Amino acid sequence: MAYEWYCHDDASAPAEMRYGQTGPAARGDLIAYFERLEAALDDAGFFKAREMRPTVVRNLRAMFARAGLTDQEVRTLQGVLSALIRRKP
């Protein structure tokens, strides 16, 4: 199958193979994840230089948006974030 992808001009996998049983994540779910992640990073003191916060936030959002996450992947990331927040001393 990988060879066939290689032979075609479009190197991306067909949508049904990318997403499997779950579809692409809803925009609202991604936004909720971004906001929760950013709040957790604020609480952890991640943004040392406040003037750089907007740039770093934009970069983080762009990385996750480019990933084309599925519903399940966003739920998994939310779970990871929950575990990290609970573990906070």
PDB file of N, CA and C in Angstrom:
ATOM      1  N   MET A   1       0.827  -1.166   0.000  1.00  0.00           N
ATOM      2  CA  MET A   1       0.000   0.000   0.000  1.00  0.00           C
ATOM      3  C   MET A   1       0.886   1.249   0.000  1.00  0.00           C
ATOM      4  N   ALA A   2       1.946   1.228   0.803  1.00  0.00           N
ATOM      5  CA  ALA A   2       2.838   2.383   0.862  1.00  0.00           C
ATOM      6  C   ALA A   2       3.453   2.653  -0.506  1.00  0.00           C
ATOM      7  N   TYR A   3       3.758   1.611  -1.238  1.00  0.00           N
ATOM      8  CA  TYR A   3       4.322   1.780  -2.570  1.00  0.00           C
ATOM      9  C   TYR A   3       3.339   2.508  -3.479  1.00  0.00           C
ATOM     10  N   GLU A   4       2.060   2.163  -3.390  1.00  0.00           N
ATOM     11  CA  GLU A   4       1.039   2.832  -4.201  1.00  0.00           C
ATOM     12  C   GLU A   4       0.948   4.312  -3.854  1.00  0.00           C
ATOM     13  N   TRP A   5       1.028   4.651  -2.565  1.00  0.00           N
ATOM     14  CA  TRP A   5       1.029   6.070  -2.168  1.00  0.00           C
ATOM     15  C   TRP A   5       2.228   6.778  -2.791  1.00  0.00           C
ATOM     16  N   TYR A   6       3.365   6.103  -2.744  1.00  0.00           N
ATOM     17  CA  TYR A   6       4.586   6.672  -3.287  1.00  0.00           C
ATOM     18  C   TYR A   6       4.440   6.949  -4.785  1.00  0.00           C
ATOM     19  N   CYS A   7       3.751   6.068  -5.473  1.00  0.00           N
ATOM     20  CA  CYS A   7       3.600   6.204  -6.922  1.00  0.00           C
ATOM     21  C   CYS A   7       2.646   7.325  -7.322  1.00  0.00           C
ATOM     22  N   HIS A   8       1.782   7.754  -6.456  1.00  0.00           N
ATOM     23  CA  HIS A   8       0.833   8.816  -6.770  1.00  0.00           C
ATOM     24  C   HIS A   8       1.423  10.177  -6.423  1.00  0.00           C
ATOM     25  N   ASP A   9       0.930  11.202  -7.104  1.00  0.00           N
ATOM     26  CA  ASP A   9       1.398  12.562  -6.833  1.00  0.00           C
ATOM     27  C   ASP A   9       1.024  13.017  -5.427  1.00  0.00           C
ATOM     28  N   ASP A  10      -0.158  12.609  -4.955  1.00  0.00           N
ATOM     29  CA  ASP A  10      -0.631  12.998  -3.632  1.00  0.00           C
ATOM     30  C   ASP A  10      -0.072  12.018  -2.611  1.00  0.00           C
ATOM     31  N   ALA A  11       0.879  12.472  -1.798  1.00  0.00           N
ATOM     32  CA  ALA A  11       1.565  11.584  -0.859  1.00  0.00           C
ATOM     33  C   ALA A  11       0.771  11.299   0.411  1.00  0.00           C
ATOM     34  N   SER A  12      -0.349  11.975   0.589  1.00  0.00           N
ATOM     35  CA  SER A  12      -1.112  11.760   1.815  1.00  0.00           C
ATOM     36  C   SER A  12      -1.956  10.495   1.713  1.00  0.00           C
ATOM     37  N   ALA A  13      -2.203   9.896   2.863  1.00  0.00           N
ATOM     38  CA  ALA A  13      -3.026   8.696   2.920  1.00  0.00           C
ATOM     39  C   ALA A  13      -4.486   9.062   2.675  1.00  0.00           C
ATOM     40  N   PRO A  14      -5.259   8.141   2.104  1.00  0.00           N
ATOM     41  CA  PRO A  14      -6.688   8.406   1.952  1.00  0.00           C
ATOM     42  C   PRO A  14      -7.333   8.680   3.308  1.00  0.00           C
ATOM     43  N   ALA A  15      -8.371   9.490   3.318  1.00  0.00           N
ATOM     44  CA  ALA A  15      -9.019   9.906   4.566  1.00  0.00           C
ATOM     45  C   ALA A  15      -9.448   8.716   5.413  1.00  0.00           C
ATOM     46  N   GLU A  16      -9.987   7.672   4.788  1.00  0.00           N
ATOM     47  CA  GLU A  16     -10.460   6.543   5.582  1.00  0.00           C
ATOM     48  C   GLU A  16      -9.308   5.816   6.265  1.00  0.00           C
ATOM     49  N   MET A  17      -8.106   5.905   5.737  1.00  0.00           N
ATOM     50  CA  MET A  17      -6.959   5.273   6.378  1.00  0.00           C
ATOM     51  C   MET A  17      -6.373   6.180   7.456  1.00  0.00           C
ATOM     52  N   ARG A  18      -6.421   7.488   7.246  1.00  0.00           N
ATOM     53  CA  ARG A  18      -5.896   8.424   8.242  1.00  0.00           C
ATOM     54  C   ARG A  18      -6.725   8.376   9.509  1.00  0.00           C
ATOM     55  N   TYR A  19      -8.033   8.328   9.367  1.00  0.00           N
ATOM     56  CA  TYR A  19      -8.899   8.486  10.514  1.00  0.00           C
ATOM     57  C   TYR A  19      -9.417   7.176  11.090  1.00  0.00           C
ATOM     58  N   GLY A  20      -9.344   6.094  10.388  1.00  0.00           N
ATOM     59  CA  GLY A  20      -9.800   4.814  10.918  1.00  0.00           C
ATOM     60  C   GLY A  20     -11.261   4.870  11.319  1.00  0.00           C
ATOM     61  N   GLN A  21     -11.540   4.447  12.544  1.00  0.00           N
ATOM     62  CA  GLN A  21     -12.917   4.374  13.017  1.00  0.00           C
ATOM     63  C   GLN A  21     -13.468   5.721  13.469  1.00  0.00           C
ATOM     64  N   THR A  22     -12.601   6.648  13.826  1.00  0.00           N
ATOM     65  CA  THR A  22     -13.075   7.959  14.267  1.00  0.00           C
ATOM     66  C   THR A  22     -12.750   8.989  13.211  1.00  0.00           C
ATOM     67  N   GLY A  23     -13.550  10.022  13.152  1.00  0.00           N
ATOM     68  CA  GLY A  23     -13.349  11.067  12.165  1.00  0.00           C
ATOM     69  C   GLY A  23     -12.408  12.134  12.670  1.00  0.00           C
ATOM     70  N   PRO A  24     -12.197  13.145  11.850  1.00  0.00           N
ATOM     71  CA  PRO A  24     -11.342  14.249  12.282  1.00  0.00           C
ATOM     72  C   PRO A  24     -11.956  14.946  13.495  1.00  0.00           C
ATOM     73  N   ALA A  25     -11.110  15.471  14.330  1.00  0.00           N
ATOM     74  CA  ALA A  25     -11.568  16.151  15.544  1.00  0.00           C
ATOM     75  C   ALA A  25     -12.381  17.388  15.185  1.00  0.00           C
ATOM     76  N   ALA A  26     -13.432  17.622  15.947  1.00  0.00           N
ATOM     77  CA  ALA A  26     -14.255  18.813  15.753  1.00  0.00           C
ATOM     78  C   ALA A  26     -13.454  20.039  16.173  1.00  0.00           C
ATOM     79  N   ARG A  27     -13.672  21.120  15.482  1.00  0.00           N
ATOM     80  CA  ARG A  27     -12.954  22.372  15.765  1.00  0.00           C
ATOM     81  C   ARG A  27     -13.144  22.782  17.228  1.00  0.00           C
ATOM     82  N   GLY A  28     -14.359  22.668  17.731  1.00  0.00           N
ATOM     83  CA  GLY A  28     -14.632  23.030  19.119  1.00  0.00           C
ATOM     84  C   GLY A  28     -13.852  22.191  20.107  1.00  0.00           C
ATOM     85  N   ASP A  29     -13.677  20.896  19.804  1.00  0.00           N
ATOM     86  CA  ASP A  29     -12.904  20.018  20.682  1.00  0.00           C
ATOM     87  C   ASP A  29     -11.428  20.415  20.685  1.00  0.00           C
ATOM     88  N   LEU A  30     -10.918  20.779  19.514  1.00  0.00           N
ATOM     89  CA  LEU A  30      -9.526  21.230  19.435  1.00  0.00           C
ATOM     90  C   LEU A  30      -9.330  22.527  20.214  1.00  0.00           C
ATOM     91  N   ILE A  31     -10.258  23.460  20.048  1.00  0.00           N
ATOM     92  CA  ILE A  31     -10.159  24.747  20.751  1.00  0.00           C
ATOM     93  C   ILE A  31     -10.197  24.511  22.266  1.00  0.00           C
ATOM     94  N   ALA A  32     -11.088  23.624  22.713  1.00  0.00           N
ATOM     95  CA  ALA A  32     -11.170  23.318  24.141  1.00  0.00           C
ATOM     96  C   ALA A  32      -9.848  22.738  24.641  1.00  0.00           C
ATOM     97  N   TYR A  33      -9.241  21.864  23.838  1.00  0.00           N
ATOM     98  CA  TYR A  33      -7.947  21.297  24.227  1.00  0.00           C
ATOM     99  C   TYR A  33      -6.880  22.385  24.285  1.00  0.00           C
ATOM    100  N   PHE A  34      -6.833  23.240  23.262  1.00  0.00           N
ATOM    101  CA  PHE A  34      -5.845  24.320  23.240  1.00  0.00           C
ATOM    102  C   PHE A  34      -5.971  25.195  24.486  1.00  0.00           C
ATOM    103  N   GLU A  35      -7.192  25.578  24.816  1.00  0.00           N
ATOM    104  CA  GLU A  35      -7.414  26.463  25.963  1.00  0.00           C
ATOM    105  C   GLU A  35      -7.001  25.791  27.270  1.00  0.00           C
ATOM    106  N   ARG A  36      -7.318  24.516  27.395  1.00  0.00           N
ATOM    107  CA  ARG A  36      -6.955  23.785  28.616  1.00  0.00           C
ATOM    108  C   ARG A  36      -5.443  23.618  28.715  1.00  0.00           C
ATOM    109  N   LEU A  37      -4.794  23.312  27.594  1.00  0.00           N
ATOM    110  CA  LEU A  37      -3.340  23.168  27.564  1.00  0.00           C
ATOM    111  C   LEU A  37      -2.668  24.487  27.926  1.00  0.00           C
ATOM    112  N   GLU A  38      -3.145  25.569  27.342  1.00  0.00           N
ATOM    113  CA  GLU A  38      -2.553  26.879  27.607  1.00  0.00           C
ATOM    114  C   GLU A  38      -2.730  27.281  29.071  1.00  0.00           C
ATOM    115  N   ALA A  39      -3.885  26.983  29.654  1.00  0.00           N
ATOM    116  CA  ALA A  39      -4.114  27.287  31.071  1.00  0.00           C
ATOM    117  C   ALA A  39      -3.161  26.470  31.947  1.00  0.00           C
ATOM    118  N   ALA A  40      -2.974  25.197  31.601  1.00  0.00           N
ATOM    119  CA  ALA A  40      -2.062  24.350  32.372  1.00  0.00           C
ATOM    120  C   ALA A  40      -0.624  24.852  32.246  1.00  0.00           C
ATOM    121  N   LEU A  41      -0.255  25.294  31.064  1.00  0.00           N
ATOM    122  CA  LEU A  41       1.094  25.833  30.873  1.00  0.00           C
ATOM    123  C   LEU A  41       1.281  27.134  31.641  1.00  0.00           C
ATOM    124  N   ASP A  42       0.230  27.962  31.675  1.00  0.00           N
ATOM    125  CA  ASP A  42       0.274  29.183  32.485  1.00  0.00           C
ATOM    126  C   ASP A  42       0.489  28.831  33.950  1.00  0.00           C
ATOM    127  N   ASP A  43      -0.289  27.875  34.464  1.00  0.00           N
ATOM    128  CA  ASP A  43      -0.185  27.457  35.868  1.00  0.00           C
ATOM    129  C   ASP A  43       1.196  26.893  36.199  1.00  0.00           C
ATOM    130  N   ALA A  44       1.805  26.232  35.226  1.00  0.00           N
ATOM    131  CA  ALA A  44       3.114  25.624  35.440  1.00  0.00           C
ATOM    132  C   ALA A  44       4.254  26.628  35.284  1.00  0.00           C
ATOM    133  N   GLY A  45       3.936  27.854  34.871  1.00  0.00           N
ATOM    134  CA  GLY A  45       4.970  28.859  34.679  1.00  0.00           C
ATOM    135  C   GLY A  45       5.782  28.657  33.416  1.00  0.00           C
ATOM    136  N   PHE A  46       5.186  28.003  32.424  1.00  0.00           N
ATOM    137  CA  PHE A  46       5.895  27.710  31.180  1.00  0.00           C
ATOM    138  C   PHE A  46       6.259  28.978  30.406  1.00  0.00           C
ATOM    139  N   PHE A  47       5.366  29.941  30.405  1.00  0.00           N
ATOM    140  CA  PHE A  47       5.583  31.172  29.634  1.00  0.00           C
ATOM    141  C   PHE A  47       6.404  32.146  30.474  1.00  0.00           C
ATOM    142  N   LYS A  48       7.713  32.008  30.424  1.00  0.00           N
ATOM    143  CA  LYS A  48       8.610  32.844  31.226  1.00  0.00           C
ATOM    144  C   LYS A  48       8.575  34.298  30.761  1.00  0.00           C
ATOM    145  N   ALA A  49       8.652  34.494  29.475  1.00  0.00           N
ATOM    146  CA  ALA A  49       8.608  35.845  28.916  1.00  0.00           C
ATOM    147  C   ALA A  49       7.187  36.104  28.429  1.00  0.00           C
ATOM    148  N   ARG A  50       6.439  36.908  29.166  1.00  0.00           N
ATOM    149  CA  ARG A  50       5.017  37.144  28.847  1.00  0.00           C
ATOM    150  C   ARG A  50       4.833  37.689  27.432  1.00  0.00           C
ATOM    151  N   GLU A  51       5.775  38.473  26.958  1.00  0.00           N
ATOM    152  CA  GLU A  51       5.620  39.045  25.615  1.00  0.00           C
ATOM    153  C   GLU A  51       5.742  37.987  24.512  1.00  0.00           C
ATOM    154  N   MET A  52       6.346  36.839  24.840  1.00  0.00           N
ATOM    155  CA  MET A  52       6.469  35.751  23.856  1.00  0.00           C
ATOM    156  C   MET A  52       5.284  34.797  23.891  1.00  0.00           C
ATOM    157  N   ARG A  53       4.411  34.919  24.890  1.00  0.00           N
ATOM    158  CA  ARG A  53       3.291  33.999  25.040  1.00  0.00           C
ATOM    159  C   ARG A  53       2.450  33.887  23.779  1.00  0.00           C
ATOM    160  N   PRO A  54       2.027  35.008  23.147  1.00  0.00           N
ATOM    161  CA  PRO A  54       1.189  34.878  21.943  1.00  0.00           C
ATOM    162  C   PRO A  54       1.872  34.100  20.818  1.00  0.00           C
ATOM    163  N   THR A  55       3.166  34.290  20.657  1.00  0.00           N
ATOM    164  CA  THR A  55       3.898  33.578  19.607  1.00  0.00           C
ATOM    165  C   THR A  55       3.980  32.092  19.910  1.00  0.00           C
ATOM    166  N   VAL A  56       4.277  31.759  21.151  1.00  0.00           N
ATOM    167  CA  VAL A  56       4.388  30.350  21.540  1.00  0.00           C
ATOM    168  C   VAL A  56       3.026  29.666  21.425  1.00  0.00           C
ATOM    169  N   VAL A  57       1.967  30.339  21.868  1.00  0.00           N
ATOM    170  CA  VAL A  57       0.612  29.784  21.766  1.00  0.00           C
ATOM    171  C   VAL A  57       0.253  29.542  20.305  1.00  0.00           C
ATOM    172  N   ARG A  58       0.552  30.498  19.459  1.00  0.00           N
ATOM    173  CA  ARG A  58       0.261  30.346  18.024  1.00  0.00           C
ATOM    174  C   ARG A  58       1.023  29.155  17.448  1.00  0.00           C
ATOM    175  N   ASN A  59       2.296  28.998  17.833  1.00  0.00           N
ATOM    176  CA  ASN A  59       3.093  27.866  17.349  1.00  0.00           C
ATOM    177  C   ASN A  59       2.524  26.535  17.818  1.00  0.00           C
ATOM    178  N   LEU A  60       2.142  26.460  19.089  1.00  0.00           N
ATOM    179  CA  LEU A  60       1.563  25.219  19.616  1.00  0.00           C
ATOM    180  C   LEU A  60       0.274  24.862  18.881  1.00  0.00           C
ATOM    181  N   ARG A  61      -0.594  25.852  18.718  1.00  0.00           N
ATOM    182  CA  ARG A  61      -1.862  25.596  18.023  1.00  0.00           C
ATOM    183  C   ARG A  61      -1.616  25.156  16.580  1.00  0.00           C
ATOM    184  N   ALA A  62      -0.662  25.787  15.913  1.00  0.00           N
ATOM    185  CA  ALA A  62      -0.361  25.431  14.522  1.00  0.00           C
ATOM    186  C   ALA A  62       0.145  23.997  14.416  1.00  0.00           C
ATOM    187  N   MET A  63       0.999  23.587  15.357  1.00  0.00           N
ATOM    188  CA  MET A  63       1.529  22.221  15.328  1.00  0.00           C
ATOM    189  C   MET A  63       0.412  21.192  15.466  1.00  0.00           C
ATOM    190  N   PHE A  64      -0.469  21.420  16.448  1.00  0.00           N
ATOM    191  CA  PHE A  64      -1.557  20.470  16.648  1.00  0.00           C
ATOM    192  C   PHE A  64      -2.552  20.518  15.496  1.00  0.00           C
ATOM    193  N   ALA A  65      -2.812  21.679  14.945  1.00  0.00           N
ATOM    194  CA  ALA A  65      -3.749  21.796  13.822  1.00  0.00           C
ATOM    195  C   ALA A  65      -3.212  21.078  12.590  1.00  0.00           C
ATOM    196  N   ARG A  66      -1.912  21.202  12.339  1.00  0.00           N
ATOM    197  CA  ARG A  66      -1.299  20.531  11.182  1.00  0.00           C
ATOM    198  C   ARG A  66      -1.357  19.016  11.307  1.00  0.00           C
ATOM    199  N   ALA A  67      -1.403  18.521  12.523  1.00  0.00           N
ATOM    200  CA  ALA A  67      -1.387  17.071  12.748  1.00  0.00           C
ATOM    201  C   ALA A  67      -2.648  16.388  12.231  1.00  0.00           C
ATOM    202  N   GLY A  68      -3.737  17.145  12.040  1.00  0.00           N
ATOM    203  CA  GLY A  68      -4.973  16.532  11.561  1.00  0.00           C
ATOM    204  C   GLY A  68      -5.495  15.491  12.538  1.00  0.00           C
ATOM    205  N   LEU A  69      -5.582  15.854  13.804  1.00  0.00           N
ATOM    206  CA  LEU A  69      -5.958  14.906  14.857  1.00  0.00           C
ATOM    207  C   LEU A  69      -7.380  14.372  14.698  1.00  0.00           C
ATOM    208  N   THR A  70      -7.572  13.143  15.137  1.00  0.00           N
ATOM    209  CA  THR A  70      -8.898  12.534  15.153  1.00  0.00           C
ATOM    210  C   THR A  70      -9.573  12.842  16.489  1.00  0.00           C
ATOM    211  N   ASP A  71     -10.862  12.546  16.567  1.00  0.00           N
ATOM    212  CA  ASP A  71     -11.588  12.694  17.831  1.00  0.00           C
ATOM    213  C   ASP A  71     -10.899  11.911  18.943  1.00  0.00           C
ATOM    214  N   GLN A  72     -10.533  10.673  18.634  1.00  0.00           N
ATOM    215  CA  GLN A  72      -9.900   9.807  19.633  1.00  0.00           C
ATOM    216  C   GLN A  72      -8.556  10.375  20.075  1.00  0.00           C
ATOM    217  N   GLU A  73      -7.794  10.908  19.163  1.00  0.00           N
ATOM    218  CA  GLU A  73      -6.493  11.472  19.523  1.00  0.00           C
ATOM    219  C   GLU A  73      -6.644  12.684  20.445  1.00  0.00           C
ATOM    220  N   VAL A  74      -7.642  13.518  20.187  1.00  0.00           N
ATOM    221  CA  VAL A  74      -7.874  14.672  21.057  1.00  0.00           C
ATOM    222  C   VAL A  74      -8.311  14.200  22.443  1.00  0.00           C
ATOM    223  N   ARG A  75      -9.159  13.179  22.498  1.00  0.00           N
ATOM    224  CA  ARG A  75      -9.556  12.634  23.802  1.00  0.00           C
ATOM    225  C   ARG A  75      -8.344  12.066  24.548  1.00  0.00           C
ATOM    226  N   THR A  76      -7.454  11.417  23.821  1.00  0.00           N
ATOM    227  CA  THR A  76      -6.240  10.880  24.428  1.00  0.00           C
ATOM    228  C   THR A  76      -5.364  12.004  24.969  1.00  0.00           C
ATOM    229  N   LEU A  77      -5.197  13.062  24.186  1.00  0.00           N
ATOM    230  CA  LEU A  77      -4.414  14.209  24.648  1.00  0.00           C
ATOM    231  C   LEU A  77      -5.049  14.863  25.874  1.00  0.00           C
ATOM    232  N   GLN A  78      -6.372  14.936  25.901  1.00  0.00           N
ATOM    233  CA  GLN A  78      -7.058  15.476  27.072  1.00  0.00           C
ATOM    234  C   GLN A  78      -6.764  14.602  28.294  1.00  0.00           C
ATOM    235  N   GLY A  79      -6.751  13.288  28.112  1.00  0.00           N
ATOM    236  CA  GLY A  79      -6.438  12.371  29.202  1.00  0.00           C
ATOM    237  C   GLY A  79      -5.010  12.530  29.697  1.00  0.00           C
ATOM    238  N   VAL A  80      -4.093  12.698  28.769  1.00  0.00           N
ATOM    239  CA  VAL A  80      -2.696  12.930  29.143  1.00  0.00           C
ATOM    240  C   VAL A  80      -2.586  14.208  29.965  1.00  0.00           C
ATOM    241  N   LEU A  81      -3.241  15.250  29.507  1.00  0.00           N
ATOM    242  CA  LEU A  81      -3.221  16.524  30.215  1.00  0.00           C
ATOM    243  C   LEU A  81      -3.839  16.383  31.610  1.00  0.00           C
ATOM    244  N   SER A  82      -4.941  15.645  31.710  1.00  0.00           N
ATOM    245  CA  SER A  82      -5.558  15.411  33.015  1.00  0.00           C
ATOM    246  C   SER A  82      -4.609  14.718  33.969  1.00  0.00           C
ATOM    247  N   ALA A  83      -3.892  13.712  33.479  1.00  0.00           N
ATOM    248  CA  ALA A  83      -2.949  12.980  34.313  1.00  0.00           C
ATOM    249  C   ALA A  83      -1.818  13.888  34.783  1.00  0.00           C
ATOM    250  N   LEU A  84      -1.332  14.738  33.903  1.00  0.00           N
ATOM    251  CA  LEU A  84      -0.257  15.653  34.277  1.00  0.00           C
ATOM    252  C   LEU A  84      -0.731  16.694  35.286  1.00  0.00           C
ATOM    253  N   ILE A  85      -1.933  17.179  35.115  1.00  0.00           N
ATOM    254  CA  ILE A  85      -2.471  18.176  36.042  1.00  0.00           C
ATOM    255  C   ILE A  85      -2.696  17.549  37.411  1.00  0.00           C
ATOM    256  N   ARG A  86      -3.254  16.339  37.457  1.00  0.00           N
ATOM    257  CA  ARG A  86      -3.485  15.649  38.735  1.00  0.00           C
ATOM    258  C   ARG A  86      -2.187  15.376  39.466  1.00  0.00           C
ATOM    259  N   ARG A  87      -1.146  15.123  38.730  1.00  0.00           N
ATOM    260  CA  ARG A  87       0.162  14.760  39.309  1.00  0.00           C
ATOM    261  C   ARG A  87       0.898  15.972  39.863  1.00  0.00           C
ATOM    262  N   LYS A  88       0.448  17.146  39.528  1.00  0.00           N
ATOM    263  CA  LYS A  88       1.111  18.374  39.949  1.00  0.00           C
ATOM    264  C   LYS A  88       1.218  18.423  41.473  1.00  0.00           C
ATOM    265  N   PRO A  89       2.446  18.703  42.000  1.00  0.00           N
ATOM    266  CA  PRO A  89       2.654  18.716  43.462  1.00  0.00           C
ATOM    267  C   PRO A  89       1.921  19.862  44.147  1.00  0.00           C
TER     268      PRO A  89
END
